[in-house]
Protein backbone atom coordinates (compact mmCIF):
# COMPACT_ATOMS: atom_id res chain seq x y z
CA MET A 1 98.01 -26.04 -8.05
CA GLU A 2 93.47 -25.67 -8.54
CA ARG A 3 92.36 -28.62 -11.11
CA PRO A 4 91.51 -26.94 -14.02
CA TRP A 5 87.77 -29.45 -14.10
CA SER A 6 86.92 -26.86 -10.35
CA THR A 7 87.11 -23.73 -11.93
CA THR A 8 83.96 -24.67 -13.58
CA THR A 9 80.65 -23.12 -11.68
CA ARG A 10 77.22 -23.59 -12.71
CA ALA A 11 74.73 -20.87 -11.69
CA ALA A 12 72.24 -22.05 -9.43
CA PRO A 13 68.52 -21.67 -10.81
CA GLN A 14 67.05 -18.61 -9.51
CA ARG A 15 64.59 -18.84 -7.08
CA PRO A 16 61.83 -16.51 -5.26
CA CYS A 17 62.75 -16.53 -1.04
CA SER A 18 59.99 -18.33 0.70
CA GLY A 19 61.12 -17.42 3.79
CA THR A 20 60.59 -21.06 4.42
CA GLY A 21 63.82 -22.26 4.45
CA LEU A 22 67.88 -22.16 4.61
CA ARG A 23 69.55 -21.72 0.52
CA VAL A 24 72.73 -23.67 1.22
CA VAL A 25 75.31 -23.31 -1.79
CA VAL A 26 78.45 -26.09 -2.22
CA GLU A 27 81.90 -25.34 -4.38
CA TYR A 28 83.92 -27.75 -4.37
CA VAL A 29 87.38 -25.96 -4.94
CA VAL A 30 90.61 -28.70 -5.24
CA VAL A 31 94.24 -27.33 -3.94
CA ASP A 32 97.56 -28.82 -3.53
CA GLY A 33 101.22 -28.13 -1.69
CA ALA A 34 100.57 -25.73 0.47
CA ASP A 35 97.34 -24.28 -0.97
CA ALA A 36 95.98 -27.89 0.62
CA ASN A 37 97.70 -27.47 3.83
CA ALA A 38 95.86 -23.30 4.68
CA LEU A 39 93.11 -24.96 3.36
CA ALA A 40 92.85 -27.52 5.37
CA GLN A 41 94.29 -25.00 9.04
CA ARG A 42 90.82 -22.97 8.08
CA GLN A 43 88.87 -25.92 7.81
CA GLY A 44 89.40 -27.59 10.82
CA ALA A 45 89.27 -24.60 13.24
CA ALA A 46 85.39 -23.67 11.66
CA ILE A 47 84.90 -26.94 12.41
CA ARG A 48 86.33 -27.06 15.65
CA GLU A 49 84.36 -23.71 16.49
CA VAL A 50 81.57 -24.54 14.59
CA LEU A 51 81.36 -27.87 17.05
CA GLU A 52 81.97 -26.21 20.15
CA TRP A 53 79.35 -23.87 20.01
CA ALA A 54 76.70 -27.27 18.96
CA CYS A 55 78.18 -27.83 21.70
CA ALA A 56 77.91 -25.48 23.99
CA ARG A 57 74.08 -24.42 22.64
CA GLN A 58 73.39 -28.68 23.33
CA SER A 59 74.22 -27.77 27.06
CA ALA A 60 72.55 -24.49 27.49
CA SER A 61 70.07 -25.79 26.78
CA ARG A 62 69.16 -28.77 29.34
CA GLY A 63 70.42 -25.81 31.64
CA SER A 64 73.91 -27.73 32.04
CA GLY A 65 76.37 -25.52 30.94
CA PRO A 66 77.56 -21.72 28.98
CA ALA A 67 75.02 -20.24 27.13
């Protein structure tokens, strides 16, 4: 069940793209029950994938592991 306050979003101000940085948008959604469990599984898998990628990339830059 999604909390009522999580459905309100605010549009980010439009800015011209300078090409000098990364734009990050963060959205918080609060869920309960089975939906929360499913979301936790997806988030855990995504975090693990990023950590494995970062570790492999760091090892490759040191010349001690796969790229």
